[in-house]
C-alpha atoms as a PDB file:
ATOM      1  CA  UNK A   1     129.462 111.124 116.777  1.00  0.00           C
ATOM      2  CA  UNK A   2     128.057 107.755 117.818  1.00  0.00           C
ATOM      3  CA  UNK A   3     125.716 106.159 115.329  1.00  0.00           C
ATOM      4  CA  UNK A   4     122.308 104.864 116.337  1.00  0.00           C
ATOM      5  CA  UNK A   5     121.446 101.179 116.164  1.00  0.00           C
ATOM      6  CA  UNK A   6     118.112 100.214 114.609  1.00  0.00           C
ATOM      7  CA  UNK A   7     116.697  96.679 114.398  1.00  0.00           C
ATOM      8  CA  UNK A   8     114.413  95.857 111.472  1.00  0.00           C
ATOM      9  CA  UNK A   9     112.160  92.872 112.079  1.00  0.00           C
ATOM     10  CA  UNK A  10     111.802  92.519 108.287  1.00  0.00           C
ATOM     11  CA  UNK A  11     113.426  94.182 105.301  1.00  0.00           C
ATOM     12  CA  UNK A  12     111.833  97.243 103.705  1.00  0.00           C
ATOM     13  CA  UNK A  13     112.215  99.471 100.668  1.00  0.00           C
ATOM     14  CA  UNK A  14     115.505 101.265 100.042  1.00  0.00           C
ATOM     15  CA  UNK A  15     113.935 104.719 100.418  1.00  0.00           C
ATOM     16  CA  UNK A  16     113.415 104.154 104.145  1.00  0.00           C
ATOM     17  CA  UNK A  17     116.694 102.388 104.730  1.00  0.00           C
ATOM     18  CA  UNK A  18     118.564 105.217 103.010  1.00  0.00           C
ATOM     19  CA  UNK A  19     117.119 107.706 105.518  1.00  0.00           C
ATOM     20  CA  UNK A  20     118.238 105.586 108.454  1.00  0.00           C
ATOM     21  CA  UNK A  21     121.684 104.813 107.066  1.00  0.00           C
ATOM     22  CA  UNK A  22     122.653 108.499 107.222  1.00  0.00           C
ATOM     23  CA  UNK A  23     122.989 108.295 111.004  1.00  0.00           C
ATOM     24  CA  UNK A  24     122.271 104.696 111.960  1.00  0.00           C
ATOM     25  CA  UNK A  25     123.588 101.179 111.615  1.00  0.00           C
ATOM     26  CA  UNK A  26     120.885  98.744 110.538  1.00  0.00           C
ATOM     27  CA  UNK A  27     120.457  95.249 111.919  1.00  0.00           C
ATOM     28  CA  UNK A  28     118.028  92.627 110.650  1.00  0.00           C
ATOM     29  CA  UNK A  29     116.305  90.207 112.991  1.00  0.00           C
ATOM     30  CA  UNK A  30     117.578  86.666 112.603  1.00  0.00           C
ATOM     31  CA  UNK A  31     114.431  85.206 114.164  1.00  0.00           C
ATOM     32  CA  UNK A  32     111.148  86.733 115.341  1.00  0.00           C
ATOM     33  CA  UNK A  33     110.338  84.590 118.369  1.00  0.00           C
ATOM     34  CA  UNK A  34     110.354  86.442 121.686  1.00  0.00           C
ATOM     35  CA  UNK A  35     113.322  84.642 123.231  1.00  0.00           C
ATOM     36  CA  UNK A  36     115.506  85.380 120.229  1.00  0.00           C
ATOM     37  CA  UNK A  37     114.401  89.020 120.013  1.00  0.00           C
ATOM     38  CA  UNK A  38     115.147  89.591 123.705  1.00  0.00           C
ATOM     39  CA  UNK A  39     118.820  88.993 122.927  1.00  0.00           C
ATOM     40  CA  UNK A  40     118.785  90.950 119.658  1.00  0.00           C
ATOM     41  CA  UNK A  41     117.344  94.204 121.072  1.00  0.00           C
ATOM     42  CA  UNK A  42     119.701  94.693 123.998  1.00  0.00           C
ATOM     43  CA  UNK A  43     121.808  97.422 122.351  1.00  0.00           C
ATOM     44  CA  UNK A  44     119.171  98.872 120.025  1.00  0.00           C
ATOM     45  CA  UNK A  45     118.047 102.499 120.014  1.00  0.00           C
ATOM     46  CA  UNK A  46     115.150 101.850 117.641  1.00  0.00           C
ATOM     47  CA  UNK A  47     112.976  99.019 116.320  1.00  0.00           C
ATOM     48  CA  UNK A  48     110.932  98.892 113.124  1.00  0.00           C
ATOM     49  CA  UNK A  49     108.259  96.193 112.913  1.00  0.00           C
ATOM     50  CA  UNK A  50     106.150  95.187 109.913  1.00  0.00           C
ATOM     51  CA  UNK A  51     103.416  92.526 110.015  1.00  0.00           C
ATOM     52  CA  UNK A  52     105.307  89.706 111.709  1.00  0.00           C
ATOM     53  CA  UNK A  53     106.623  89.330 115.228  1.00  0.00           C
ATOM     54  CA  UNK A  54     105.745  91.271 118.359  1.00  0.00           C
ATOM     55  CA  UNK A  55     107.280  93.970 120.508  1.00  0.00           C
ATOM     56  CA  UNK A  56     106.228  92.605 123.877  1.00  0.00           C
ATOM     57  CA  UNK A  57     106.806  93.956 127.364  1.00  0.00           C
ATOM     58  CA  UNK A  58     109.653  91.470 127.854  1.00  0.00           C
ATOM     59  CA  UNK A  59     111.337  92.662 124.676  1.00  0.00           C
ATOM     60  CA  UNK A  60     110.920  96.304 125.699  1.00  0.00           C
ATOM     61  CA  UNK A  61     112.313  95.555 129.162  1.00  0.00           C
ATOM     62  CA  UNK A  62     115.353  93.956 127.508  1.00  0.00           C
ATOM     63  CA  UNK A  63     116.223  97.087 125.531  1.00  0.00           C
ATOM     64  CA  UNK A  64     117.494  99.769 127.957  1.00  0.00           C
ATOM     65  CA  UNK A  65     118.564 102.096 125.114  1.00  0.00           C
ATOM     66  CA  UNK A  66     115.294 101.846 123.186  1.00  0.00           C
ATOM     67  CA  UNK A  67     113.753 105.236 122.372  1.00  0.00           C
ATOM     68  CA  UNK A  68     111.344 104.505 119.509  1.00  0.00           C
ATOM     69  CA  UNK A  69     109.341 101.691 117.925  1.00  0.00           C
ATOM     70  CA  UNK A  70     108.297 102.308 114.327  1.00  0.00           C
ATOM     71  CA  UNK A  71     105.371 100.460 112.732  1.00  0.00           C
ATOM     72  CA  UNK A  72     105.861  99.990 108.981  1.00  0.00           C
ATOM     73  CA  UNK A  73     102.114 100.341 108.342  1.00  0.00           C
ATOM     74  CA  UNK A  74      99.198 101.267 110.550  1.00  0.00           C
ATOM     75  CA  UNK A  75      97.997  98.592 113.001  1.00  0.00           C
ATOM     76  CA  UNK A  76      99.897  98.450 116.292  1.00  0.00           C
ATOM     77  CA  UNK A  77      98.247  95.457 117.969  1.00  0.00           C
ATOM     78  CA  UNK A  78     101.600  93.619 117.910  1.00  0.00           C
ATOM     79  CA  UNK A  79     103.234  96.329 120.020  1.00  0.00           C
ATOM     80  CA  UNK A  80     102.706  96.608 123.785  1.00  0.00           C
ATOM     81  CA  UNK A  81     101.739 100.284 123.852  1.00  0.00           C
ATOM     82  CA  UNK A  82     101.293 100.359 127.595  1.00  0.00           C
ATOM     83  CA  UNK A  83     104.794  99.034 128.235  1.00  0.00           C
ATOM     84  CA  UNK A  84     106.323 101.391 125.674  1.00  0.00           C
ATOM     85  CA  UNK A  85     104.575 104.401 127.181  1.00  0.00           C
ATOM     86  CA  UNK A  86     105.593 103.441 130.720  1.00  0.00           C
ATOM     87  CA  UNK A  87     109.216 103.307 129.558  1.00  0.00           C
ATOM     88  CA  UNK A  88     109.017 106.658 127.758  1.00  0.00           C
ATOM     89  CA  UNK A  89     109.371 105.046 124.330  1.00  0.00           C
ATOM     90  CA  UNK A  90     107.619 106.624 121.360  1.00  0.00           C
ATOM     91  CA  UNK A  91     105.569 104.396 119.059  1.00  0.00           C
ATOM     92  CA  UNK A  92     105.133 105.828 115.553  1.00  0.00           C
ATOM     93  CA  UNK A  93     103.436 104.567 112.401  1.00  0.00           C
ATOM     94  CA  UNK A  94     102.550 105.600 108.844  1.00  0.00           C
ATOM     95  CA  UNK A  95      98.813 106.343 109.080  1.00  0.00           C
ATOM     96  CA  UNK A  96      98.337 107.733 105.571  1.00  0.00           C
ATOM     97  CA  UNK A  97     100.765 105.533 103.618  1.00  0.00           C
ATOM     98  CA  UNK A  98      98.424 102.818 102.413  1.00  0.00           C
ATOM     99  CA  UNK A  99      94.985 104.462 102.217  1.00  0.00           C
ATOM    100  CA  UNK A 100      94.735 104.354  98.442  1.00  0.00           C
ATOM    101  CA  UNK A 101      96.270 100.902  98.064  1.00  0.00           C
ATOM    102  CA  UNK A 102      93.801  99.335 100.480  1.00  0.00           C
ATOM    103  CA  UNK A 103      90.868 101.304  99.073  1.00  0.00           C
ATOM    104  CA  UNK A 104      91.678 100.155  95.543  1.00  0.00           C
ATOM    105  CA  UNK A 105      91.975  96.578  96.825  1.00  0.00           C
ATOM    106  CA  UNK A 106      88.429  96.801  98.176  1.00  0.00           C
ATOM    107  CA  UNK A 107      87.071  97.727  94.774  1.00  0.00           C
ATOM    108  CA  UNK A 108      89.206  95.069  93.104  1.00  0.00           C
ATOM    109  CA  UNK A 109      87.556  92.391  95.242  1.00  0.00           C
ATOM    110  CA  UNK A 110      84.130  94.020  94.925  1.00  0.00           C
ATOM    111  CA  UNK A 111      84.360  93.904  91.133  1.00  0.00           C
ATOM    112  CA  UNK A 112      85.624  90.310  91.106  1.00  0.00           C
ATOM    113  CA  UNK A 113      82.653  89.266  93.224  1.00  0.00           C
ATOM    114  CA  UNK A 114      79.920  91.356  91.640  1.00  0.00           C
ATOM    115  CA  UNK A 115      81.021  90.696  88.044  1.00  0.00           C
ATOM    116  CA  UNK A 116      81.567  86.966  88.776  1.00  0.00           C
ATOM    117  CA  UNK A 117      85.075  87.293  87.343  1.00  0.00           C
ATOM    118  CA  UNK A 118      86.545  84.456  89.405  1.00  0.00           C
ATOM    119  CA  UNK A 119      83.861  81.975  88.369  1.00  0.00           C
ATOM    120  CA  UNK A 120      83.827  83.102  84.746  1.00  0.00           C
ATOM    121  CA  UNK A 121      87.603  83.027  84.357  1.00  0.00           C
ATOM    122  CA  UNK A 122      87.850  79.574  85.939  1.00  0.00           C
ATOM    123  CA  UNK A 123      85.131  78.092  83.713  1.00  0.00           C
ATOM    124  CA  UNK A 124      86.696  79.616  80.610  1.00  0.00           C
ATOM    125  CA  UNK A 125      90.330  78.803  81.459  1.00  0.00           C
ATOM    126  CA  UNK A 126      89.868  75.288  82.835  1.00  0.00           C
ATOM    127  CA  UNK A 127      86.919  74.046  80.830  1.00  0.00           C
ATOM    128  CA  UNK A 128      86.782  76.288  77.772  1.00  0.00           C
ATOM    129  CA  UNK A 129      83.160  77.117  78.556  1.00  0.00           C
ATOM    130  CA  UNK A 130      82.475  80.233  76.474  1.00  0.00           C
ATOM    131  CA  UNK A 131      78.748  79.839  77.077  1.00  0.00           C
ATOM    132  CA  UNK A 132      79.103  80.857  80.743  1.00  0.00           C
ATOM    133  CA  UNK A 133      78.738  84.420  79.508  1.00  0.00           C
ATOM    134  CA  UNK A 134      75.005  83.682  79.516  1.00  0.00           C
ATOM    135  CA  UNK A 135      75.119  81.943  82.906  1.00  0.00           C
ATOM    136  CA  UNK A 136      77.246  84.224  85.071  1.00  0.00           C
ATOM    137  CA  UNK A 137      75.394  87.513  84.990  1.00  0.00           C
ATOM    138  CA  UNK A 138      77.027  90.111  87.206  1.00  0.00           C
ATOM    139  CA  UNK A 139      75.898  93.341  88.812  1.00  0.00           C
ATOM    140  CA  UNK A 140      77.142  96.906  88.494  1.00  0.00           C
ATOM    141  CA  UNK A 141      78.544  98.852  91.420  1.00  0.00           C
ATOM    142  CA  UNK A 142      77.199 102.081  89.948  1.00  0.00           C
ATOM    143  CA  UNK A 143      74.436 103.626  92.012  1.00  0.00           C
ATOM    144  CA  UNK A 144      74.535 100.995  94.746  1.00  0.00           C
ATOM    145  CA  UNK A 145      74.698 101.660  98.498  1.00  0.00           C
ATOM    146  CA  UNK A 146      78.135 101.364 100.074  1.00  0.00           C
ATOM    147  CA  UNK A 147      78.307 100.770 103.829  1.00  0.00           C
ATOM    148  CA  UNK A 148      81.619 101.435 105.563  1.00  0.00           C
ATOM    149  CA  UNK A 149      82.412 100.160 109.054  1.00  0.00           C
ATOM    150  CA  UNK A 150      85.135 102.459 110.372  1.00  0.00           C
ATOM    151  CA  UNK A 151      85.463 105.854 108.700  1.00  0.00           C
ATOM    152  CA  UNK A 152      89.140 106.499 109.247  1.00  0.00           C
ATOM    153  CA  UNK A 153      91.595 107.314 106.483  1.00  0.00           C
ATOM    154  CA  UNK A 154      91.017 104.064 104.578  1.00  0.00           C
ATOM    155  CA  UNK A 155      87.263 104.167 105.094  1.00  0.00           C
ATOM    156  CA  UNK A 156      87.123 107.705 103.748  1.00  0.00           C
ATOM    157  CA  UNK A 157      89.274 106.751 100.735  1.00  0.00           C
ATOM    158  CA  UNK A 158      86.865 103.913  99.953  1.00  0.00           C
ATOM    159  CA  UNK A 159      83.954 106.320 100.343  1.00  0.00           C
ATOM    160  CA  UNK A 160      85.491 108.834  97.951  1.00  0.00           C
ATOM    161  CA  UNK A 161      86.188 106.236  95.253  1.00  0.00           C
ATOM    162  CA  UNK A 162      82.724 104.760  95.662  1.00  0.00           C
ATOM    163  CA  UNK A 163      80.973 108.123  95.537  1.00  0.00           C
ATOM    164  CA  UNK A 164      83.004 109.759  92.782  1.00  0.00           C
ATOM    165  CA  UNK A 165      83.852 106.704  90.700  1.00  0.00           C
ATOM    166  CA  UNK A 166      80.666 104.656  90.957  1.00  0.00           C
ATOM    167  CA  UNK A 167      78.076 107.222  92.080  1.00  0.00           C
ATOM    168  CA  UNK A 168      77.445 105.123  95.176  1.00  0.00           C
ATOM    169  CA  UNK A 169      75.414 106.248  98.159  1.00  0.00           C
ATOM    170  CA  UNK A 170      77.768 106.186 101.174  1.00  0.00           C
ATOM    171  CA  UNK A 171      76.725 105.156 104.677  1.00  0.00           C
ATOM    172  CA  UNK A 172      79.217 104.895 107.506  1.00  0.00           C
ATOM    173  CA  UNK A 173      79.404 103.554 111.044  1.00  0.00           C
ATOM    174  CA  UNK A 174      81.947 105.089 113.409  1.00  0.00           C
ATOM    175  CA  UNK A 175      82.224 106.338 116.964  1.00  0.00           C
ATOM    176  CA  UNK A 176      83.045 109.785 115.534  1.00  0.00           C
ATOM    177  CA  UNK A 177      81.135 112.011 113.150  1.00  0.00           C
ATOM    178  CA  UNK A 178      82.826 113.527 110.089  1.00  0.00           C
ATOM    179  CA  UNK A 179      80.642 116.416 108.990  1.00  0.00           C
ATOM    180  CA  UNK A 180      83.079 117.732 106.351  1.00  0.00           C
ATOM    181  CA  UNK A 181      83.161 114.375 104.576  1.00  0.00           C
ATOM    182  CA  UNK A 182      79.384 114.103 104.908  1.00  0.00           C
ATOM    183  CA  UNK A 183      79.100 117.370 103.006  1.00  0.00           C
ATOM    184  CA  UNK A 184      81.779 116.364 100.505  1.00  0.00           C
ATOM    185  CA  UNK A 185      80.258 112.986  99.620  1.00  0.00           C
ATOM    186  CA  UNK A 186      76.716 113.197 100.881  1.00  0.00           C
ATOM    187  CA  UNK A 187      77.724 110.428 103.303  1.00  0.00           C
ATOM    188  CA  UNK A 188      75.366 109.525 106.142  1.00  0.00           C
ATOM    189  CA  UNK A 189      76.422 108.370 109.615  1.00  0.00           C
ATOM    190  CA  UNK A 190      74.174 105.559 110.769  1.00  0.00           C
ATOM    191  CA  UNK A 191      73.943 102.544 113.065  1.00  0.00           C
ATOM    192  CA  UNK A 192      75.653  99.207 112.627  1.00  0.00           C
ATOM    193  CA  UNK A 193      72.256  97.619 112.081  1.00  0.00           C
ATOM    194  CA  UNK A 194      71.276 100.020 109.297  1.00  0.00           C
ATOM    195  CA  UNK A 195      74.590  99.446 107.516  1.00  0.00           C
ATOM    196  CA  UNK A 196      73.768  95.760 107.253  1.00  0.00           C
ATOM    197  CA  UNK A 197      70.114  96.261 106.334  1.00  0.00           C
ATOM    198  CA  UNK A 198      70.611  98.924 103.643  1.00  0.00           C
ATOM    199  CA  UNK A 199      73.991  98.269 102.011  1.00  0.00           C
ATOM    200  CA  UNK A 200      74.719  96.462  98.763  1.00  0.00           C
ATOM    201  CA  UNK A 201      78.460  96.426  99.504  1.00  0.00           C
ATOM    202  CA  UNK A 202      79.955  96.536 103.000  1.00  0.00           C
ATOM    203  CA  UNK A 203      83.584  97.376 103.748  1.00  0.00           C
ATOM    204  CA  UNK A 204      85.054  96.477 107.140  1.00  0.00           C
ATOM    205  CA  UNK A 205      87.760  98.971 108.125  1.00  0.00           C
ATOM    206  CA  UNK A 206      87.511  98.998 111.911  1.00  0.00           C
ATOM    207  CA  UNK A 207      90.619  98.932 114.105  1.00  0.00           C
ATOM    208  CA  UNK A 208      91.320  95.734 116.054  1.00  0.00           C
ATOM    209  CA  UNK A 209      90.188  96.583 119.593  1.00  0.00           C
ATOM    210  CA  UNK A 210      88.564  94.546 122.391  1.00  0.00           C
ATOM    211  CA  UNK A 211      85.220  96.180 121.562  1.00  0.00           C
ATOM    212  CA  UNK A 212      85.457  95.437 117.841  1.00  0.00           C
ATOM    213  CA  UNK A 213      86.449  91.769 118.143  1.00  0.00           C
ATOM    214  CA  UNK A 214      83.552  89.694 116.830  1.00  0.00           C
ATOM    215  CA  UNK A 215      81.416  92.779 116.228  1.00  0.00           C
ATOM    216  CA  UNK A 216      80.210  91.257 112.944  1.00  0.00           C
ATOM    217  CA  UNK A 217      78.547  87.896 113.474  1.00  0.00           C
ATOM    218  CA  UNK A 218      75.641  85.687 112.469  1.00  0.00           C
ATOM    219  CA  UNK A 219      73.043  88.282 113.436  1.00  0.00           C
ATOM    220  CA  UNK A 220      74.636  90.963 111.245  1.00  0.00           C
ATOM    221  CA  UNK A 221      75.191  88.652 108.262  1.00  0.00           C
ATOM    222  CA  UNK A 222      71.538  87.620 108.330  1.00  0.00           C
ATOM    223  CA  UNK A 223      70.430  91.259 108.235  1.00  0.00           C
ATOM    224  CA  UNK A 224      72.090  91.687 104.834  1.00  0.00           C
ATOM    225  CA  UNK A 225      70.267  91.700 101.529  1.00  0.00           C
ATOM    226  CA  UNK A 226      70.579  88.354  99.691  1.00  0.00           C
ATOM    227  CA  UNK A 227      72.203  90.312  96.846  1.00  0.00           C
ATOM    228  CA  UNK A 228      74.780  92.028  99.083  1.00  0.00           C
ATOM    229  CA  UNK A 229      78.532  91.554  99.473  1.00  0.00           C
ATOM    230  CA  UNK A 230      80.816  92.099 102.463  1.00  0.00           C
ATOM    231  CA  UNK A 231      84.598  92.543 102.370  1.00  0.00           C
ATOM    232  CA  UNK A 232      87.003  92.598 105.334  1.00  0.00           C
ATOM    233  CA  UNK A 233      90.297  94.450 104.834  1.00  0.00           C
ATOM    234  CA  UNK A 234      90.821  95.240 108.536  1.00  0.00           C
ATOM    235  CA  UNK A 235      91.551  92.273 110.827  1.00  0.00           C
ATOM    236  CA  UNK A 236      90.216  88.715 110.755  1.00  0.00           C
ATOM    237  CA  UNK A 237      88.846  88.533 114.332  1.00  0.00           C
ATOM    238  CA  UNK A 238      86.498  91.469 113.678  1.00  0.00           C
ATOM    239  CA  UNK A 239      84.053  89.082 112.026  1.00  0.00           C
ATOM    240  CA  UNK A 240      82.989  85.521 112.830  1.00  0.00           C
ATOM    241  CA  UNK A 241      84.471  83.340 110.084  1.00  0.00           C
ATOM    242  CA  UNK A 242      82.382  80.292 111.005  1.00  0.00           C
ATOM    243  CA  UNK A 243      79.157  82.280 110.831  1.00  0.00           C
ATOM    244  CA  UNK A 244      80.252  83.761 107.508  1.00  0.00           C
ATOM    245  CA  UNK A 245      80.898  80.258 106.144  1.00  0.00           C
ATOM    246  CA  UNK A 246      77.385  79.225 107.105  1.00  0.00           C
ATOM    247  CA  UNK A 247      75.629  82.125 105.397  1.00  0.00           C
ATOM    248  CA  UNK A 248      77.784  81.764 102.275  1.00  0.00           C
ATOM    249  CA  UNK A 249      77.069  78.028 102.035  1.00  0.00           C
ATOM    250  CA  UNK A 250      73.371  78.726 102.411  1.00  0.00           C
ATOM    251  CA  UNK A 251      73.529  81.391  99.705  1.00  0.00           C
ATOM    252  CA  UNK A 252      72.047  83.783 102.255  1.00  0.00           C
ATOM    253  CA  UNK A 253      74.227  86.583 100.871  1.00  0.00           C
ATOM    254  CA  UNK A 254      75.725  86.988  97.417  1.00  0.00           C
ATOM    255  CA  UNK A 255      79.359  86.809  98.430  1.00  0.00           C
ATOM    256  CA  UNK A 256      82.227  87.911 100.617  1.00  0.00           C
ATOM    257  CA  UNK A 257      85.908  88.704 100.366  1.00  0.00           C
ATOM    258  CA  UNK A 258      88.814  89.172 102.739  1.00  0.00           C
ATOM    259  CA  UNK A 259      92.443  90.163 102.827  1.00  0.00           C
ATOM    260  CA  UNK A 260      92.693  89.153 106.495  1.00  0.00           C
ATOM    261  CA  UNK A 261      91.941  86.020 108.505  1.00  0.00           C
ATOM    262  CA  UNK A 262      91.444  85.068 112.148  1.00  0.00           C
ATOM    263  CA  UNK A 263      94.673  83.067 112.065  1.00  0.00           C
ATOM    264  CA  UNK A 264      97.465  84.141 109.733  1.00  0.00           C
ATOM    265  CA  UNK A 265      98.930  82.797 107.618  1.00  0.00           C
ATOM    266  CA  UNK A 266      95.654  81.126 106.699  1.00  0.00           C
ATOM    267  CA  UNK A 267      96.001  77.507 105.497  1.00  0.00           C
ATOM    268  CA  UNK A 268      95.211  76.659 101.878  1.00  0.00           C
ATOM    269  CA  UNK A 269      92.389  74.371 103.081  1.00  0.00           C
ATOM    270  CA  UNK A 270      90.719  77.188 105.022  1.00  0.00           C
ATOM    271  CA  UNK A 271      86.919  76.635 104.826  1.00  0.00           C
ATOM    272  CA  UNK A 272      86.257  80.038 103.272  1.00  0.00           C
ATOM    273  CA  UNK A 273      88.719  79.372 100.457  1.00  0.00           C
ATOM    274  CA  UNK A 274      86.678  76.324  99.424  1.00  0.00           C
ATOM    275  CA  UNK A 275      83.630  78.455  98.598  1.00  0.00           C
ATOM    276  CA  UNK A 276      82.908  79.831  95.119  1.00  0.00           C
ATOM    277  CA  UNK A 277      81.220  82.936  96.507  1.00  0.00           C
ATOM    278  CA  UNK A 278      84.284  83.937  98.551  1.00  0.00           C
ATOM    279  CA  UNK A 279      87.426  85.647  97.287  1.00  0.00           C
ATOM    280  CA  UNK A 280      90.500  85.846  99.508  1.00  0.00           C
ATOM    281  CA  UNK A 281      93.948  87.405  99.302  1.00  0.00           C
ATOM    282  CA  UNK A 282      96.940  86.882 101.658  1.00  0.00           C
ATOM    283  CA  UNK A 283      96.992  90.174 103.606  1.00  0.00           C
ATOM    284  CA  UNK A 284      98.434  92.029 100.618  1.00  0.00           C
ATOM    285  CA  UNK A 285      96.066  94.992 100.209  1.00  0.00           C
ATOM    286  CA  UNK A 286      98.715  97.488 101.300  1.00  0.00           C
ATOM    287  CA  UNK A 287     101.438  95.892  99.204  1.00  0.00           C
ATOM    288  CA  UNK A 288     101.812  98.140  96.212  1.00  0.00           C
ATOM    289  CA  UNK A 289     105.147  99.588  95.166  1.00  0.00           C
ATOM    290  CA  UNK A 290     103.920 103.063  96.007  1.00  0.00           C
ATOM    291  CA  UNK A 291     102.543 102.194  99.448  1.00  0.00           C
ATOM    292  CA  UNK A 292     105.594 100.142 100.441  1.00  0.00           C
ATOM    293  CA  UNK A 293     107.835 103.108  99.669  1.00  0.00           C
ATOM    294  CA  UNK A 294     105.617 105.399 101.730  1.00  0.00           C
ATOM    295  CA  UNK A 295     105.490 102.925 104.632  1.00  0.00           C
ATOM    296  CA  UNK A 296     109.268 102.583 104.635  1.00  0.00           C
ATOM    297  CA  UNK A 297     109.434 106.305 105.385  1.00  0.00           C
ATOM    298  CA  UNK A 298     108.420 105.524 108.950  1.00  0.00           C
ATOM    299  CA  UNK A 299     112.209 105.813 109.068  1.00  0.00           C
ATOM    300  CA  UNK A 300     111.840 109.610 109.014  1.00  0.00           C
ATOM    301  CA  UNK A 301     109.913 109.588 112.289  1.00  0.00           C
ATOM    302  CA  UNK A 302     112.200 106.987 113.839  1.00  0.00           C
ATOM    303  CA  UNK A 303     115.227 109.142 113.069  1.00  0.00           C
ATOM    304  CA  UNK A 304     113.491 112.292 114.348  1.00  0.00           C
ATOM    305  CA  UNK A 305     112.940 110.654 117.727  1.00  0.00           C
ATOM    306  CA  UNK A 306     116.501 109.317 117.879  1.00  0.00           C
ATOM    307  CA  UNK A 307     117.727 112.869 117.283  1.00  0.00           C
ATOM    308  CA  UNK A 308     115.625 114.137 120.186  1.00  0.00           C
ATOM    309  CA  UNK A 309     112.770 115.643 118.151  1.00  0.00           C
ATOM    310  CA  UNK A 310     109.015 115.173 118.484  1.00  0.00           C
ATOM    311  CA  UNK A 311     107.557 112.569 116.098  1.00  0.00           C
ATOM    312  CA  UNK A 312     105.206 113.552 113.286  1.00  0.00           C
ATOM    313  CA  UNK A 313     102.903 110.528 113.652  1.00  0.00           C
ATOM    314  CA  UNK A 314     102.930 109.383 117.287  1.00  0.00           C
ATOM    315  CA  UNK A 315     100.629 106.521 118.285  1.00  0.00           C
ATOM    316  CA  UNK A 316     101.119 107.030 122.029  1.00  0.00           C
ATOM    317  CA  UNK A 317     101.514 110.143 124.127  1.00  0.00           C
ATOM    318  CA  UNK A 318     104.439 110.573 126.477  1.00  0.00           C
ATOM    319  CA  UNK A 319     104.572 112.850 129.513  1.00  0.00           C
ATOM    320  CA  UNK A 320     107.141 115.587 129.097  1.00  0.00           C
END
């Protein structure tokens, strides 16, 4: 029996590779620029992509044997879905692998901001200023209003932790309505405007789409309470970084955090990273040991497709 050939753009956890190795030979991309990948994919039956690189139309056209593209994670903006679908190639991902990791990351940043942990730790560590305990007075999350932009799997996980762990009132903005979760958490579907007016903490979890690019800008930031915080764990272009810098410098809102940036990797002199009321991390919210193992199991779906079976988590729909 001929073995399948699968190209991994980046390495992944052994759990996923072990699944593939049963019936496939694994190849690792030497470089991730398009010209190089065009040559590397020519004999591949499957591709698995993580955060870096793209699967463009040219790359797809250069892979006549390609049957499946696996996304180690959730977002598929780096994959040309239209080209894949036209060619009859399945695109699969791991939609429920990192819900908890990202949700916990939101509350990690929320606590750092609201409890002034970054400022307090810096003053204590670098200057030995014990007296800042009287200066940096934080706020509790308990009982506050949590606004969630995008009520998908991650948004719901954030809502559940906020409601059950901190007794927060949950508002959400989404194109869909989720009545079961409304009953479960007492969550309320509302407008984008009301999220910004009413919330004490706002979580951005929208997918990166043409209609969501720049959806959060100066107007929305200035609707927020001066005591409110906003955190973006989705994609950098969803909000206007320059507008956010302005309102943070003015002290118009209490603070902001992000795991994502308009341009990645973000430089160390990025304007937001110079602000005391901003806390940033390098796109690592999904990077826990547990989530990375679960994401590597995109291999299960990749192998299913290579064996002629229907995928469990298809992103696109193929005509049969």
